[in-house]
Amino acid sequence: MDFNGTFELNTSMDSIYRFVMDPEKLASCIPGLKKMEKISDTEFTVLVKVGIAFIKEDFNIKFTVLESEPPSHAKLSGVGSGKSGTVDITADMHLTENNGKSTMLWTAQANVGGKIGSMGSRLITGQAEKIINQMFKGIKEALEPN
């Protein structure tokens, strides 16, 4: 499954980059997050509760920073599993700034396997888009509190 979008904020790209790349700050924006553990400056794990149709369970996902070019670009990968399946994620972001406003162009690819992966891409895509939108809403609220 492929996802992409544009996200705009009235703040510097440096502020966005530092927030998104800090797992402890980003944690407050991840829907269903039960636990986050920073392993190193380039690795962290999350335990998230995910619900798709009748399946609601916890997934352990380990994220690794693959590329980091502050404050304009980063690429992360995540590998995880739950009782009913697996997930492999790659996410990429590019930031630009113009007159105090920043734009994030982002892409993400997700491969879901197992029982949860067999539920159909439309159902999974809909839930993934809901989670993505909630996360970006949380980032916006954290960086633009007014």
C-alpha atoms as a PDB file:
ATOM      1  CA  MET A   1       0.000   0.000   0.000  1.00  0.00           C
ATOM      2  CA  ASP A   2       1.267   3.437  -0.907  1.00  0.00           C
ATOM      3  CA  PHE A   3       0.385   6.679   0.848  1.00  0.00           C
ATOM      4  CA  ASN A   4       1.514  10.246   0.214  1.00  0.00           C
ATOM      5  CA  GLY A   5       0.541  13.772   0.988  1.00  0.00           C
ATOM      6  CA  THR A   6       1.428  17.346   1.757  1.00  0.00           C
ATOM      7  CA  PHE A   7       1.343  18.811   5.240  1.00  0.00           C
ATOM      8  CA  GLU A   8       1.684  22.550   5.897  1.00  0.00           C
ATOM      9  CA  LEU A   9       2.481  24.350   9.154  1.00  0.00           C
ATOM     10  CA  ASN A  10       3.059  27.937  10.194  1.00  0.00           C
ATOM     11  CA  THR A  11       6.444  27.189  11.735  1.00  0.00           C
ATOM     12  CA  SER A  12      10.014  26.609  10.645  1.00  0.00           C
ATOM     13  CA  MET A  13      11.033  23.399   8.954  1.00  0.00           C
ATOM     14  CA  ASP A  14      13.678  23.019  11.672  1.00  0.00           C
ATOM     15  CA  SER A  15      10.921  22.947  14.329  1.00  0.00           C
ATOM     16  CA  ILE A  16       8.991  20.316  12.395  1.00  0.00           C
ATOM     17  CA  TYR A  17      12.092  18.218  11.752  1.00  0.00           C
ATOM     18  CA  ARG A  18      13.185  18.279  15.414  1.00  0.00           C
ATOM     19  CA  PHE A  19       9.668  17.374  16.588  1.00  0.00           C
ATOM     20  CA  VAL A  20       9.092  14.524  14.132  1.00  0.00           C
ATOM     21  CA  MET A  21      12.562  13.057  14.665  1.00  0.00           C
ATOM     22  CA  ASP A  22      12.230  13.074  18.468  1.00  0.00           C
ATOM     23  CA  PRO A  23      10.368   9.861  19.365  1.00  0.00           C
ATOM     24  CA  GLU A  24       9.448  11.173  22.806  1.00  0.00           C
ATOM     25  CA  LYS A  25       7.751  14.252  21.318  1.00  0.00           C
ATOM     26  CA  LEU A  26       6.177  12.390  18.411  1.00  0.00           C
ATOM     27  CA  ALA A  27       4.783   9.768  20.820  1.00  0.00           C
ATOM     28  CA  SER A  28       2.057  12.159  21.967  1.00  0.00           C
ATOM     29  CA  CYS A  29       0.698  12.216  18.382  1.00  0.00           C
ATOM     30  CA  ILE A  30       0.582   8.480  17.647  1.00  0.00           C
ATOM     31  CA  PRO A  31      -2.977   7.108  17.943  1.00  0.00           C
ATOM     32  CA  GLY A  32      -3.262   3.973  20.063  1.00  0.00           C
ATOM     33  CA  LEU A  33       0.247   4.296  21.468  1.00  0.00           C
ATOM     34  CA  LYS A  34       0.664   2.238  24.624  1.00  0.00           C
ATOM     35  CA  LYS A  35       4.447   2.402  24.989  1.00  0.00           C
ATOM     36  CA  MET A  36       7.478   3.980  23.324  1.00  0.00           C
ATOM     37  CA  GLU A  37      11.098   3.166  24.036  1.00  0.00           C
ATOM     38  CA  LYS A  38      14.031   5.043  22.583  1.00  0.00           C
ATOM     39  CA  ILE A  39      16.862   2.597  21.888  1.00  0.00           C
ATOM     40  CA  SER A  40      19.346   5.049  20.373  1.00  0.00           C
ATOM     41  CA  ASP A  41      19.408   8.259  18.343  1.00  0.00           C
ATOM     42  CA  THR A  42      18.466   6.200  15.278  1.00  0.00           C
ATOM     43  CA  GLU A  43      16.169   3.498  16.706  1.00  0.00           C
ATOM     44  CA  PHE A  44      13.008   3.325  18.777  1.00  0.00           C
ATOM     45  CA  THR A  45      10.203   0.854  19.410  1.00  0.00           C
ATOM     46  CA  VAL A  46       6.491   1.412  19.848  1.00  0.00           C
ATOM     47  CA  LEU A  47       3.666  -0.719  21.150  1.00  0.00           C
ATOM     48  CA  VAL A  48       0.429   0.405  19.498  1.00  0.00           C
ATOM     49  CA  LYS A  49      -3.128  -0.858  19.664  1.00  0.00           C
ATOM     50  CA  VAL A  50      -4.505  -1.207  16.141  1.00  0.00           C
ATOM     51  CA  GLY A  51      -8.079  -1.979  15.233  1.00  0.00           C
ATOM     52  CA  ILE A  52      -9.255  -3.093  11.807  1.00  0.00           C
ATOM     53  CA  ALA A  53     -12.798  -4.466  11.623  1.00  0.00           C
ATOM     54  CA  PHE A  54     -13.118  -7.182  14.286  1.00  0.00           C
ATOM     55  CA  ILE A  55      -9.362  -7.449  14.928  1.00  0.00           C
ATOM     56  CA  LYS A  56      -8.051  -5.222  17.703  1.00  0.00           C
ATOM     57  CA  GLU A  57      -4.605  -6.012  19.014  1.00  0.00           C
ATOM     58  CA  ASP A  58      -1.207  -4.714  19.965  1.00  0.00           C
ATOM     59  CA  PHE A  59       1.625  -4.420  17.471  1.00  0.00           C
ATOM     60  CA  ASN A  60       5.290  -4.077  18.431  1.00  0.00           C
ATOM     61  CA  ILE A  61       7.134  -2.040  15.796  1.00  0.00           C
ATOM     62  CA  LYS A  62      10.837  -1.194  15.698  1.00  0.00           C
ATOM     63  CA  PHE A  63      11.690   1.962  13.750  1.00  0.00           C
ATOM     64  CA  THR A  64      15.116   2.776  12.334  1.00  0.00           C
ATOM     65  CA  VAL A  65      16.263   6.068  10.827  1.00  0.00           C
ATOM     66  CA  LEU A  66      17.711   5.188   7.417  1.00  0.00           C
ATOM     67  CA  GLU A  67      18.522   8.715   6.234  1.00  0.00           C
ATOM     68  CA  SER A  68      18.805  11.980   8.130  1.00  0.00           C
ATOM     69  CA  GLU A  69      19.587  15.345   6.555  1.00  0.00           C
ATOM     70  CA  PRO A  70      18.461  17.982   9.092  1.00  0.00           C
ATOM     71  CA  PRO A  71      16.315  19.978   8.700  1.00  0.00           C
ATOM     72  CA  SER A  72      15.047  18.991   5.266  1.00  0.00           C
ATOM     73  CA  HIS A  73      14.897  15.210   4.820  1.00  0.00           C
ATOM     74  CA  ALA A  74      14.521  11.935   6.690  1.00  0.00           C
ATOM     75  CA  LYS A  75      13.657   8.355   5.865  1.00  0.00           C
ATOM     76  CA  LEU A  76      12.583   5.726   8.382  1.00  0.00           C
ATOM     77  CA  SER A  77      11.704   2.065   8.261  1.00  0.00           C
ATOM     78  CA  GLY A  78       9.588   0.078  10.664  1.00  0.00           C
ATOM     79  CA  VAL A  79       9.215  -3.663  11.106  1.00  0.00           C
ATOM     80  CA  GLY A  80       6.720  -5.181  13.479  1.00  0.00           C
ATOM     81  CA  SER A  81       4.190  -7.812  14.336  1.00  0.00           C
ATOM     82  CA  GLY A  82       1.123  -8.650  16.355  1.00  0.00           C
ATOM     83  CA  LYS A  83      -0.810 -11.879  16.960  1.00  0.00           C
ATOM     84  CA  SER A  84      -2.628 -11.612  13.627  1.00  0.00           C
ATOM     85  CA  GLY A  85       0.021 -10.316  11.300  1.00  0.00           C
ATOM     86  CA  THR A  86       3.103  -8.390  10.364  1.00  0.00           C
ATOM     87  CA  VAL A  87       3.834  -4.918   9.072  1.00  0.00           C
ATOM     88  CA  ASP A  88       6.775  -3.421   7.178  1.00  0.00           C
ATOM     89  CA  ILE A  89       6.761   0.352   6.746  1.00  0.00           C
ATOM     90  CA  THR A  90       9.016   2.810   4.950  1.00  0.00           C
ATOM     91  CA  ALA A  91       8.337   6.549   5.355  1.00  0.00           C
ATOM     92  CA  ASP A  92      10.084   9.460   3.678  1.00  0.00           C
ATOM     93  CA  MET A  93       9.724  13.209   4.319  1.00  0.00           C
ATOM     94  CA  HIS A  94      11.039  16.301   2.560  1.00  0.00           C
ATOM     95  CA  LEU A  95      10.630  19.737   4.149  1.00  0.00           C
ATOM     96  CA  THR A  96      10.753  23.160   2.539  1.00  0.00           C
ATOM     97  CA  GLU A  97      10.198  26.610   4.025  1.00  0.00           C
ATOM     98  CA  ASN A  98       8.932  29.866   2.560  1.00  0.00           C
ATOM     99  CA  ASN A  99       8.171  33.045   4.556  1.00  0.00           C
ATOM    100  CA  GLY A 100       7.890  31.242   7.900  1.00  0.00           C
ATOM    101  CA  LYS A 101       5.590  28.533   6.559  1.00  0.00           C
ATOM    102  CA  SER A 102       6.810  25.012   6.025  1.00  0.00           C
ATOM    103  CA  THR A 103       5.625  22.249   3.747  1.00  0.00           C
ATOM    104  CA  MET A 104       6.248  18.558   4.292  1.00  0.00           C
ATOM    105  CA  LEU A 105       5.983  16.266   1.297  1.00  0.00           C
ATOM    106  CA  TRP A 106       5.719  12.717   2.609  1.00  0.00           C
ATOM    107  CA  THR A 107       5.388   9.219   1.234  1.00  0.00           C
ATOM    108  CA  ALA A 108       4.910   5.906   2.969  1.00  0.00           C
ATOM    109  CA  GLN A 109       4.780   2.317   1.843  1.00  0.00           C
ATOM    110  CA  ALA A 110       3.281  -0.380   4.041  1.00  0.00           C
ATOM    111  CA  ASN A 111       3.173  -4.125   3.553  1.00  0.00           C
ATOM    112  CA  VAL A 112       0.796  -5.967   5.849  1.00  0.00           C
ATOM    113  CA  GLY A 113       0.845  -9.746   6.128  1.00  0.00           C
ATOM    114  CA  GLY A 114      -0.916 -12.521   7.984  1.00  0.00           C
ATOM    115  CA  LYS A 115      -4.569 -12.633   8.986  1.00  0.00           C
ATOM    116  CA  ILE A 116      -4.800  -8.865   9.259  1.00  0.00           C
ATOM    117  CA  GLY A 117      -3.231  -8.500   5.815  1.00  0.00           C
ATOM    118  CA  SER A 118      -5.866 -10.746   4.269  1.00  0.00           C
ATOM    119  CA  MET A 119      -8.684  -8.366   5.260  1.00  0.00           C
ATOM    120  CA  GLY A 120      -8.468  -6.430   2.018  1.00  0.00           C
ATOM    121  CA  SER A 121      -6.508  -3.370   1.061  1.00  0.00           C
ATOM    122  CA  ARG A 122      -9.533  -1.043   1.054  1.00  0.00           C
ATOM    123  CA  LEU A 123     -10.317  -1.788   4.684  1.00  0.00           C
ATOM    124  CA  ILE A 124      -6.668  -1.539   5.766  1.00  0.00           C
ATOM    125  CA  THR A 125      -6.060   1.600   3.682  1.00  0.00           C
ATOM    126  CA  GLY A 126      -9.065   3.344   5.248  1.00  0.00           C
ATOM    127  CA  GLN A 127      -7.855   2.631   8.777  1.00  0.00           C
ATOM    128  CA  ALA A 128      -4.268   3.604   7.926  1.00  0.00           C
ATOM    129  CA  GLU A 129      -5.428   6.935   6.475  1.00  0.00           C
ATOM    130  CA  LYS A 130      -7.434   7.602   9.651  1.00  0.00           C
ATOM    131  CA  ILE A 131      -4.340   6.966  11.805  1.00  0.00           C
ATOM    132  CA  ILE A 132      -2.154   9.153   9.558  1.00  0.00           C
ATOM    133  CA  ASN A 133      -4.659  12.025   9.717  1.00  0.00           C
ATOM    134  CA  GLN A 134      -4.888  11.771  13.514  1.00  0.00           C
ATOM    135  CA  MET A 135      -1.095  11.826  13.792  1.00  0.00           C
ATOM    136  CA  PHE A 136      -0.730  14.920  11.590  1.00  0.00           C
ATOM    137  CA  LYS A 137      -3.521  16.639  13.535  1.00  0.00           C
ATOM    138  CA  GLY A 138      -1.565  15.975  16.746  1.00  0.00           C
ATOM    139  CA  ILE A 139       1.643  17.359  15.233  1.00  0.00           C
ATOM    140  CA  LYS A 140      -0.192  20.497  14.093  1.00  0.00           C
ATOM    141  CA  GLU A 141      -1.734  20.982  17.564  1.00  0.00           C
ATOM    142  CA  ALA A 142       1.670  20.559  19.210  1.00  0.00           C
ATOM    143  CA  LEU A 143       3.493  22.981  16.904  1.00  0.00           C
ATOM    144  CA  GLU A 144       0.654  25.486  16.327  1.00  0.00           C
ATOM    145  CA  PRO A 145      -1.073  25.596  19.721  1.00  0.00           C
ATOM    146  CA  ASN A 146      -3.177  28.701  18.897  1.00  0.00           C
END
